[in-house]
Amino acid sequence: LVLCCVVLLALVLFATTWLARMFGFAVEDEITIVFCG
């Protein structure tokens, strides 16, 4: 279960970071998107 949760979180963190940068958000906004999303 721990391993599955790690994989899920890694996928979401990668996706939120990538989306924030793809849409051109500032670093401060990227941080908010990553931690809130």
PDB file of all heavy atoms in Angstrom:
ATOM      1  N   LEU A   1       0.832  -1.198   0.000  1.00  0.00           N
ATOM      2  CA  LEU A   1       0.000   0.000   0.000  1.00  0.00           C
ATOM      3  C   LEU A   1       0.869   1.252   0.000  1.00  0.00           C
ATOM      4  O   LEU A   1       0.585   2.221  -0.713  1.00  0.00           O
ATOM      5  CB  LEU A   1      -0.929  -0.009   1.219  1.00  0.00           C
ATOM      6  CG  LEU A   1      -1.815   1.228   1.406  1.00  0.00           C
ATOM      7  CD1 LEU A   1      -2.749   1.411   0.218  1.00  0.00           C
ATOM      8  CD2 LEU A   1      -2.617   1.112   2.702  1.00  0.00           C
ATOM      9  N   VAL A   2       1.924   1.245   0.809  1.00  0.00           N
ATOM     10  CA  VAL A   2       2.841   2.384   0.850  1.00  0.00           C
ATOM     11  C   VAL A   2       3.441   2.635  -0.526  1.00  0.00           C
ATOM     12  O   VAL A   2       3.514   3.779  -0.996  1.00  0.00           O
ATOM     13  CB  VAL A   2       3.946   2.145   1.892  1.00  0.00           C
ATOM     14  CG1 VAL A   2       5.037   3.199   1.774  1.00  0.00           C
ATOM     15  CG2 VAL A   2       3.357   2.162   3.301  1.00  0.00           C
ATOM     16  N   LEU A   3       3.868   1.574  -1.189  1.00  0.00           N
ATOM     17  CA  LEU A   3       4.466   1.710  -2.518  1.00  0.00           C
ATOM     18  C   LEU A   3       3.462   2.296  -3.509  1.00  0.00           C
ATOM     19  O   LEU A   3       3.808   3.181  -4.309  1.00  0.00           O
ATOM     20  CB  LEU A   3       4.967   0.355  -3.008  1.00  0.00           C
ATOM     21  CG  LEU A   3       5.593   0.335  -4.408  1.00  0.00           C
ATOM     22  CD1 LEU A   3       6.802   1.259  -4.468  1.00  0.00           C
ATOM     23  CD2 LEU A   3       5.981  -1.086  -4.795  1.00  0.00           C
ATOM     24  N   CYS A   4       2.234   1.820  -3.472  1.00  0.00           N
ATOM     25  CA  CYS A   4       1.209   2.335  -4.383  1.00  0.00           C
ATOM     26  C   CYS A   4       0.929   3.816  -4.117  1.00  0.00           C
ATOM     27  O   CYS A   4       0.742   4.603  -5.060  1.00  0.00           O
ATOM     28  CB  CYS A   4      -0.075   1.529  -4.230  1.00  0.00           C
ATOM     29  SG  CYS A   4       0.046  -0.184  -4.815  1.00  0.00           S
ATOM     30  N   CYS A   5       0.904   4.216  -2.857  1.00  0.00           N
ATOM     31  CA  CYS A   5       0.674   5.620  -2.519  1.00  0.00           C
ATOM     32  C   CYS A   5       1.831   6.495  -2.991  1.00  0.00           C
ATOM     33  O   CYS A   5       1.624   7.621  -3.455  1.00  0.00           O
ATOM     34  CB  CYS A   5       0.475   5.777  -1.015  1.00  0.00           C
ATOM     35  SG  CYS A   5      -1.092   5.133  -0.392  1.00  0.00           S
ATOM     36  N   VAL A   6       3.053   5.982  -2.881  1.00  0.00           N
ATOM     37  CA  VAL A   6       4.219   6.726  -3.345  1.00  0.00           C
ATOM     38  C   VAL A   6       4.145   6.950  -4.854  1.00  0.00           C
ATOM     39  O   VAL A   6       4.408   8.045  -5.355  1.00  0.00           O
ATOM     40  CB  VAL A   6       5.517   5.981  -2.968  1.00  0.00           C
ATOM     41  CG1 VAL A   6       6.721   6.586  -3.684  1.00  0.00           C
ATOM     42  CG2 VAL A   6       5.738   6.023  -1.462  1.00  0.00           C
ATOM     43  N   VAL A   7       3.767   5.902  -5.582  1.00  0.00           N
ATOM     44  CA  VAL A   7       3.656   6.015  -7.040  1.00  0.00           C
ATOM     45  C   VAL A   7       2.575   7.021  -7.417  1.00  0.00           C
ATOM     46  O   VAL A   7       2.776   7.883  -8.291  1.00  0.00           O
ATOM     47  CB  VAL A   7       3.352   4.641  -7.663  1.00  0.00           C
ATOM     48  CG1 VAL A   7       3.024   4.790  -9.149  1.00  0.00           C
ATOM     49  CG2 VAL A   7       4.526   3.698  -7.483  1.00  0.00           C
ATOM     50  N   LEU A   8       1.423   6.961  -6.760  1.00  0.00           N
ATOM     51  CA  LEU A   8       0.334   7.889  -7.056  1.00  0.00           C
ATOM     52  C   LEU A   8       0.757   9.325  -6.782  1.00  0.00           C
ATOM     53  O   LEU A   8       0.522  10.224  -7.603  1.00  0.00           O
ATOM     54  CB  LEU A   8      -0.899   7.527  -6.216  1.00  0.00           C
ATOM     55  CG  LEU A   8      -2.100   8.477  -6.343  1.00  0.00           C
ATOM     56  CD1 LEU A   8      -2.631   8.492  -7.777  1.00  0.00           C
ATOM     57  CD2 LEU A   8      -3.211   8.066  -5.369  1.00  0.00           C
ATOM     58  N   LEU A   9       1.378   9.568  -5.629  1.00  0.00           N
ATOM     59  CA  LEU A   9       1.810  10.922  -5.293  1.00  0.00           C
ATOM     60  C   LEU A   9       2.863  11.423  -6.272  1.00  0.00           C
ATOM     61  O   LEU A   9       2.839  12.596  -6.678  1.00  0.00           O
ATOM     62  CB  LEU A   9       2.351  10.953  -3.862  1.00  0.00           C
ATOM     63  CG  LEU A   9       2.839  12.324  -3.366  1.00  0.00           C
ATOM     64  CD1 LEU A   9       1.714  13.345  -3.390  1.00  0.00           C
ATOM     65  CD2 LEU A   9       3.427  12.204  -1.968  1.00  0.00           C
ATOM     66  N   ALA A  10       3.796  10.562  -6.666  1.00  0.00           N
ATOM     67  CA  ALA A  10       4.837  10.964  -7.612  1.00  0.00           C
ATOM     68  C   ALA A  10       4.228  11.378  -8.950  1.00  0.00           C
ATOM     69  O   ALA A  10       4.640  12.386  -9.552  1.00  0.00           O
ATOM     70  CB  ALA A  10       5.828   9.821  -7.813  1.00  0.00           C
ATOM     71  N   LEU A  11       3.247  10.627  -9.419  1.00  0.00           N
ATOM     72  CA  LEU A  11       2.590  10.966 -10.681  1.00  0.00           C
ATOM     73  C   LEU A  11       1.886  12.316 -10.590  1.00  0.00           C
ATOM     74  O   LEU A  11       1.968  13.136 -11.511  1.00  0.00           O
ATOM     75  CB  LEU A  11       1.588   9.872 -11.056  1.00  0.00           C
ATOM     76  CG  LEU A  11       2.170   8.520 -11.478  1.00  0.00           C
ATOM     77  CD1 LEU A  11       1.056   7.499 -11.669  1.00  0.00           C
ATOM     78  CD2 LEU A  11       2.991   8.665 -12.758  1.00  0.00           C
ATOM     79  N   VAL A  12       1.201  12.568  -9.469  1.00  0.00           N
ATOM     80  CA  VAL A  12       0.467  13.824  -9.318  1.00  0.00           C
ATOM     81  C   VAL A  12       1.429  15.002  -9.168  1.00  0.00           C
ATOM     82  O   VAL A  12       1.206  16.076  -9.748  1.00  0.00           O
ATOM     83  CB  VAL A  12      -0.490  13.749  -8.110  1.00  0.00           C
ATOM     84  CG1 VAL A  12      -1.142  15.096  -7.851  1.00  0.00           C
ATOM     85  CG2 VAL A  12      -1.554  12.681  -8.356  1.00  0.00           C
ATOM     86  N   LEU A  13       2.484  14.832  -8.405  1.00  0.00           N
ATOM     87  CA  LEU A  13       3.463  15.916  -8.250  1.00  0.00           C
ATOM     88  C   LEU A  13       4.121  16.256  -9.583  1.00  0.00           C
ATOM     89  O   LEU A  13       4.331  17.434  -9.903  1.00  0.00           O
ATOM     90  CB  LEU A  13       4.521  15.521  -7.224  1.00  0.00           C
ATOM     91  CG  LEU A  13       4.063  15.497  -5.768  1.00  0.00           C
ATOM     92  CD1 LEU A  13       5.161  14.924  -4.874  1.00  0.00           C
ATOM     93  CD2 LEU A  13       3.664  16.882  -5.286  1.00  0.00           C
ATOM     94  N   PHE A  14       4.441  15.232 -10.348  1.00  0.00           N
ATOM     95  CA  PHE A  14       5.016  15.480 -11.676  1.00  0.00           C
ATOM     96  C   PHE A  14       4.012  16.207 -12.561  1.00  0.00           C
ATOM     97  O   PHE A  14       4.362  17.176 -13.257  1.00  0.00           O
ATOM     98  CB  PHE A  14       5.435  14.156 -12.328  1.00  0.00           C
ATOM     99  CG  PHE A  14       5.857  14.302 -13.764  1.00  0.00           C
ATOM    100  CD1 PHE A  14       7.138  14.739 -14.080  1.00  0.00           C
ATOM    101  CD2 PHE A  14       4.967  14.017 -14.799  1.00  0.00           C
ATOM    102  CE1 PHE A  14       7.532  14.888 -15.407  1.00  0.00           C
ATOM    103  CE2 PHE A  14       5.350  14.163 -16.120  1.00  0.00           C
ATOM    104  CZ  PHE A  14       6.633  14.601 -16.426  1.00  0.00           C
ATOM    105  N   ALA A  15       2.750  15.760 -12.539  1.00  0.00           N
ATOM    106  CA  ALA A  15       1.736  16.351 -13.404  1.00  0.00           C
ATOM    107  C   ALA A  15       1.457  17.807 -13.023  1.00  0.00           C
ATOM    108  O   ALA A  15       1.359  18.674 -13.892  1.00  0.00           O
ATOM    109  CB  ALA A  15       0.447  15.525 -13.337  1.00  0.00           C
ATOM    110  N   THR A  16       1.315  18.095 -11.721  1.00  0.00           N
ATOM    111  CA  THR A  16       1.028  19.469 -11.303  1.00  0.00           C
ATOM    112  C   THR A  16       2.195  20.404 -11.620  1.00  0.00           C
ATOM    113  O   THR A  16       1.986  21.543 -12.057  1.00  0.00           O
ATOM    114  CB  THR A  16       0.713  19.522  -9.799  1.00  0.00           C
ATOM    115  OG1 THR A  16       1.750  18.851  -9.067  1.00  0.00           O
ATOM    116  CG2 THR A  16      -0.621  18.855  -9.499  1.00  0.00           C
ATOM    117  N   THR A  17       3.415  19.934 -11.407  1.00  0.00           N
ATOM    118  CA  THR A  17       4.581  20.767 -11.735  1.00  0.00           C
ATOM    119  C   THR A  17       4.668  21.017 -13.227  1.00  0.00           C
ATOM    120  O   THR A  17       4.895  22.154 -13.675  1.00  0.00           O
ATOM    121  CB  THR A  17       5.869  20.083 -11.248  1.00  0.00           C
ATOM    122  OG1 THR A  17       5.776  19.822  -9.846  1.00  0.00           O
ATOM    123  CG2 THR A  17       7.076  20.969 -11.500  1.00  0.00           C
ATOM    124  N   TRP A  18       4.473  19.961 -14.006  1.00  0.00           N
ATOM    125  CA  TRP A  18       4.549  20.089 -15.464  1.00  0.00           C
ATOM    126  C   TRP A  18       3.458  21.011 -15.999  1.00  0.00           C
ATOM    127  O   TRP A  18       3.717  21.873 -16.856  1.00  0.00           O
ATOM    128  CB  TRP A  18       4.440  18.711 -16.100  1.00  0.00           C
ATOM    129  CG  TRP A  18       4.511  18.748 -17.608  1.00  0.00           C
ATOM    130  CD1 TRP A  18       5.629  18.897 -18.384  1.00  0.00           C
ATOM    131  CD2 TRP A  18       3.402  18.653 -18.513  1.00  0.00           C
ATOM    132  NE1 TRP A  18       5.284  18.894 -19.714  1.00  0.00           N
ATOM    133  CE2 TRP A  18       3.929  18.747 -19.824  1.00  0.00           C
ATOM    134  CE3 TRP A  18       2.027  18.492 -18.341  1.00  0.00           C
ATOM    135  CZ2 TRP A  18       3.119  18.694 -20.948  1.00  0.00           C
ATOM    136  CZ3 TRP A  18       1.216  18.431 -19.467  1.00  0.00           C
ATOM    137  CH2 TRP A  18       1.765  18.530 -20.754  1.00  0.00           C
ATOM    138  N   LEU A  19       2.232  20.870 -15.498  1.00  0.00           N
ATOM    139  CA  LEU A  19       1.129  21.718 -15.957  1.00  0.00           C
ATOM    140  C   LEU A  19       1.366  23.175 -15.594  1.00  0.00           C
ATOM    141  O   LEU A  19       1.104  24.077 -16.400  1.00  0.00           O
ATOM    142  CB  LEU A  19      -0.183  21.228 -15.344  1.00  0.00           C
ATOM    143  CG  LEU A  19      -0.743  19.917 -15.900  1.00  0.00           C
ATOM    144  CD1 LEU A  19      -1.916  19.435 -15.055  1.00  0.00           C
ATOM    145  CD2 LEU A  19      -1.176  20.087 -17.355  1.00  0.00           C
ATOM    146  N   ALA A  20       1.851  23.430 -14.374  1.00  0.00           N
ATOM    147  CA  ALA A  20       2.113  24.806 -13.953  1.00  0.00           C
ATOM    148  C   ALA A  20       3.150  25.465 -14.857  1.00  0.00           C
ATOM    149  O   ALA A  20       3.017  26.643 -15.227  1.00  0.00           O
ATOM    150  CB  ALA A  20       2.571  24.831 -12.499  1.00  0.00           C
ATOM    151  N   ARG A  21       4.176  24.714 -15.219  1.00  0.00           N
ATOM    152  CA  ARG A  21       5.218  25.278 -16.082  1.00  0.00           C
ATOM    153  C   ARG A  21       4.768  25.374 -17.527  1.00  0.00           C
ATOM    154  O   ARG A  21       5.140  26.320 -18.239  1.00  0.00           O
ATOM    155  CB  ARG A  21       6.491  24.434 -15.962  1.00  0.00           C
ATOM    156  CG  ARG A  21       7.099  24.501 -14.570  1.00  0.00           C
ATOM    157  CD  ARG A  21       8.316  23.613 -14.404  1.00  0.00           C
ATOM    158  NE  ARG A  21       8.832  23.715 -13.036  1.00  0.00           N
ATOM    159  CZ  ARG A  21       9.866  23.031 -12.580  1.00  0.00           C
ATOM    160  NH1 ARG A  21      10.505  22.172 -13.380  1.00  0.00           N
ATOM    161  NH2 ARG A  21      10.260  23.185 -11.328  1.00  0.00           N
ATOM    162  N   MET A  22       3.973  24.412 -17.992  1.00  0.00           N
ATOM    163  CA  MET A  22       3.493  24.444 -19.365  1.00  0.00           C
ATOM    164  C   MET A  22       2.605  25.661 -19.615  1.00  0.00           C
ATOM    165  O   MET A  22       2.650  26.283 -20.682  1.00  0.00           O
ATOM    166  CB  MET A  22       2.719  23.162 -19.687  1.00  0.00           C
ATOM    167  CG  MET A  22       2.280  23.082 -21.147  1.00  0.00           C
ATOM    168  SD  MET A  22       1.233  21.649 -21.506  1.00  0.00           S
ATOM    169  CE  MET A  22      -0.272  22.102 -20.622  1.00  0.00           C
ATOM    170  N   PHE A  23       1.790  26.019 -18.610  1.00  0.00           N
ATOM    171  CA  PHE A  23       0.900  27.170 -18.748  1.00  0.00           C
ATOM    172  C   PHE A  23       1.565  28.479 -18.337  1.00  0.00           C
ATOM    173  O   PHE A  23       0.907  29.516 -18.268  1.00  0.00           O
ATOM    174  CB  PHE A  23      -0.374  26.955 -17.936  1.00  0.00           C
ATOM    175  CG  PHE A  23      -1.307  25.939 -18.534  1.00  0.00           C
ATOM    176  CD1 PHE A  23      -1.504  24.710 -17.932  1.00  0.00           C
ATOM    177  CD2 PHE A  23      -1.980  26.201 -19.712  1.00  0.00           C
ATOM    178  CE1 PHE A  23      -2.358  23.765 -18.475  1.00  0.00           C
ATOM    179  CE2 PHE A  23      -2.834  25.261 -20.275  1.00  0.00           C
ATOM    180  CZ  PHE A  23      -3.025  24.040 -19.658  1.00  0.00           C
ATOM    181  N   GLY A  24       2.852  28.457 -18.056  1.00  0.00           N
ATOM    182  CA  GLY A  24       3.603  29.679 -17.847  1.00  0.00           C
ATOM    183  C   GLY A  24       3.383  30.380 -16.527  1.00  0.00           C
ATOM    184  O   GLY A  24       3.558  31.599 -16.446  1.00  0.00           O
ATOM    185  N   PHE A  25       3.023  29.654 -15.473  1.00  0.00           N
ATOM    186  CA  PHE A  25       2.836  30.285 -14.177  1.00  0.00           C
ATOM    187  C   PHE A  25       4.184  30.675 -13.566  1.00  0.00           C
ATOM    188  O   PHE A  25       5.198  30.020 -13.800  1.00  0.00           O
ATOM    189  CB  PHE A  25       2.104  29.344 -13.224  1.00  0.00           C
ATOM    190  CG  PHE A  25       0.629  29.224 -13.500  1.00  0.00           C
ATOM    191  CD1 PHE A  25       0.139  28.175 -14.275  1.00  0.00           C
ATOM    192  CD2 PHE A  25      -0.260  30.144 -12.977  1.00  0.00           C
ATOM    193  CE1 PHE A  25      -1.216  28.069 -14.532  1.00  0.00           C
ATOM    194  CE2 PHE A  25      -1.618  30.034 -13.225  1.00  0.00           C
ATOM    195  CZ  PHE A  25      -2.099  28.997 -14.004  1.00  0.00           C
ATOM    196  N   ALA A  26       4.183  31.744 -12.771  1.00  0.00           N
ATOM    197  CA  ALA A  26       5.376  32.153 -12.050  1.00  0.00           C
ATOM    198  C   ALA A  26       5.736  31.094 -11.008  1.00  0.00           C
ATOM    199  O   ALA A  26       4.911  30.248 -10.650  1.00  0.00           O
ATOM    200  CB  ALA A  26       5.149  33.509 -11.375  1.00  0.00           C
ATOM    201  N   VAL A  27       6.959  31.153 -10.495  1.00  0.00           N
ATOM    202  CA  VAL A  27       7.421  30.147  -9.533  1.00  0.00           C
ATOM    203  C   VAL A  27       6.543  30.143  -8.292  1.00  0.00           C
ATOM    204  O   VAL A  27       6.193  29.073  -7.775  1.00  0.00           O
ATOM    205  CB  VAL A  27       8.892  30.415  -9.145  1.00  0.00           C
ATOM    206  CG1 VAL A  27       9.347  29.447  -8.062  1.00  0.00           C
ATOM    207  CG2 VAL A  27       9.790  30.300 -10.358  1.00  0.00           C
ATOM    208  N   GLU A  28       6.161  31.328  -7.796  1.00  0.00           N
ATOM    209  CA  GLU A  28       5.302  31.394  -6.606  1.00  0.00           C
ATOM    210  C   GLU A  28       3.960  30.721  -6.854  1.00  0.00           C
ATOM    211  O   GLU A  28       3.419  30.040  -5.973  1.00  0.00           O
ATOM    212  CB  GLU A  28       5.090  32.845  -6.183  1.00  0.00           C
ATOM    213  CG  GLU A  28       6.328  33.534  -5.647  1.00  0.00           C
ATOM    214  CD  GLU A  28       7.236  34.054  -6.754  1.00  0.00           C
ATOM    215  OE1 GLU A  28       6.883  33.867  -7.938  1.00  0.00           O
ATOM    216  OE2 GLU A  28       8.292  34.621  -6.433  1.00  0.00           O
ATOM    217  N   ASP A  29       3.408  30.895  -8.048  1.00  0.00           N
ATOM    218  CA  ASP A  29       2.137  30.251  -8.393  1.00  0.00           C
ATOM    219  C   ASP A  29       2.322  28.751  -8.584  1.00  0.00           C
ATOM    220  O   ASP A  29       1.444  27.955  -8.228  1.00  0.00           O
ATOM    221  CB  ASP A  29       1.562  30.871  -9.675  1.00  0.00           C
ATOM    222  CG  ASP A  29       1.161  32.316  -9.492  1.00  0.00           C
ATOM    223  OD1 ASP A  29       0.903  32.715  -8.337  1.00  0.00           O
ATOM    224  OD2 ASP A  29       1.110  33.048 -10.489  1.00  0.00           O
ATOM    225  N   GLU A  30       3.450  28.354  -9.166  1.00  0.00           N
ATOM    226  CA  GLU A  30       3.746  26.929  -9.319  1.00  0.00           C
ATOM    227  C   GLU A  30       3.753  26.231  -7.960  1.00  0.00           C
ATOM    228  O   GLU A  30       3.206  25.132  -7.805  1.00  0.00           O
ATOM    229  CB  GLU A  30       5.099  26.746 -10.004  1.00  0.00           C
ATOM    230  CG  GLU A  30       5.573  25.302 -10.085  1.00  0.00           C
ATOM    231  CD  GLU A  30       7.005  25.188 -10.558  1.00  0.00           C
ATOM    232  OE1 GLU A  30       7.377  25.903 -11.510  1.00  0.00           O
ATOM    233  OE2 GLU A  30       7.762  24.393  -9.976  1.00  0.00           O
ATOM    234  N   ILE A  31       4.370  26.867  -6.974  1.00  0.00           N
ATOM    235  CA  ILE A  31       4.407  26.299  -5.624  1.00  0.00           C
ATOM    236  C   ILE A  31       2.995  26.091  -5.096  1.00  0.00           C
ATOM    237  O   ILE A  31       2.668  25.039  -4.529  1.00  0.00           O
ATOM    238  CB  ILE A  31       5.207  27.227  -4.692  1.00  0.00           C
ATOM    239  CG1 ILE A  31       6.688  27.223  -5.089  1.00  0.00           C
ATOM    240  CG2 ILE A  31       5.044  26.812  -3.232  1.00  0.00           C
ATOM    241  CD1 ILE A  31       7.516  28.280  -4.397  1.00  0.00           C
ATOM    242  N   THR A  32       2.143  27.090  -5.266  1.00  0.00           N
ATOM    243  CA  THR A  32       0.762  26.989  -4.798  1.00  0.00           C
ATOM    244  C   THR A  32       0.021  25.869  -5.508  1.00  0.00           C
ATOM    245  O   THR A  32      -0.713  25.089  -4.878  1.00  0.00           O
ATOM    246  CB  THR A  32       0.028  28.327  -5.029  1.00  0.00           C
ATOM    247  OG1 THR A  32       0.722  29.360  -4.335  1.00  0.00           O
ATOM    248  CG2 THR A  32      -1.405  28.256  -4.532  1.00  0.00           C
ATOM    249  N   ILE A  33       0.193  25.756  -6.813  1.00  0.00           N
ATOM    250  CA  ILE A  33      -0.483  24.713  -7.584  1.00  0.00           C
ATOM    251  C   ILE A  33      -0.023  23.323  -7.141  1.00  0.00           C
ATOM    252  O   ILE A  33      -0.830  22.409  -6.959  1.00  0.00           O
ATOM    253  CB  ILE A  33      -0.227  24.911  -9.094  1.00  0.00           C
ATOM    254  CG1 ILE A  33      -0.925  26.190  -9.577  1.00  0.00           C
ATOM    255  CG2 ILE A  33      -0.703  23.706  -9.897  1.00  0.00           C
ATOM    256  CD1 ILE A  33      -0.499  26.629 -10.965  1.00  0.00           C
ATOM    257  N   VAL A  34       1.280  23.170  -6.941  1.00  0.00           N
ATOM    258  CA  VAL A  34       1.829  21.862  -6.552  1.00  0.00           C
ATOM    259  C   VAL A  34       1.310  21.444  -5.176  1.00  0.00           C
ATOM    260  O   VAL A  34       0.846  20.314  -4.980  1.00  0.00           O
ATOM    261  CB  VAL A  34       3.364  21.900  -6.572  1.00  0.00           C
ATOM    262  CG1 VAL A  34       3.943  20.644  -5.913  1.00  0.00           C
ATOM    263  CG2 VAL A  34       3.877  22.014  -8.002  1.00  0.00           C
ATOM    264  N   PHE A  35       1.353  22.356  -4.192  1.00  0.00           N
ATOM    265  CA  PHE A  35       0.978  21.988  -2.830  1.00  0.00           C
ATOM    266  C   PHE A  35      -0.530  21.934  -2.618  1.00  0.00           C
ATOM    267  O   PHE A  35      -1.002  21.191  -1.759  1.00  0.00           O
ATOM    268  CB  PHE A  35       1.618  22.960  -1.833  1.00  0.00           C
ATOM    269  CG  PHE A  35       3.091  22.766  -1.679  1.00  0.00           C
ATOM    270  CD1 PHE A  35       3.965  23.840  -1.704  1.00  0.00           C
ATOM    271  CD2 PHE A  35       3.628  21.507  -1.523  1.00  0.00           C
ATOM    272  CE1 PHE A  35       5.331  23.660  -1.563  1.00  0.00           C
ATOM    273  CE2 PHE A  35       4.992  21.301  -1.392  1.00  0.00           C
ATOM    274  CZ  PHE A  35       5.844  22.394  -1.418  1.00  0.00           C
ATOM    275  N   CYS A  36      -1.292  22.716  -3.374  1.00  0.00           N
ATOM    276  CA  CYS A  36      -2.762  22.671  -3.234  1.00  0.00           C
ATOM    277  C   CYS A  36      -3.390  21.611  -4.129  1.00  0.00           C
ATOM    278  O   CYS A  36      -4.452  21.080  -3.791  1.00  0.00           O
ATOM    279  CB  CYS A  36      -3.366  24.037  -3.556  1.00  0.00           C
ATOM    280  SG  CYS A  36      -2.978  25.340  -2.377  1.00  0.00           S
ATOM    281  N   GLY A  37      -2.758  21.301  -5.252  1.00  0.00           N
ATOM    282  CA  GLY A  37      -3.341  20.357  -6.195  1.00  0.00           C
ATOM    283  C   GLY A  37      -2.935  18.915  -6.005  1.00  0.00           C
ATOM    284  O   GLY A  37      -3.491  18.021  -6.653  1.00  0.00           O
TER     285      GLY A  37
END
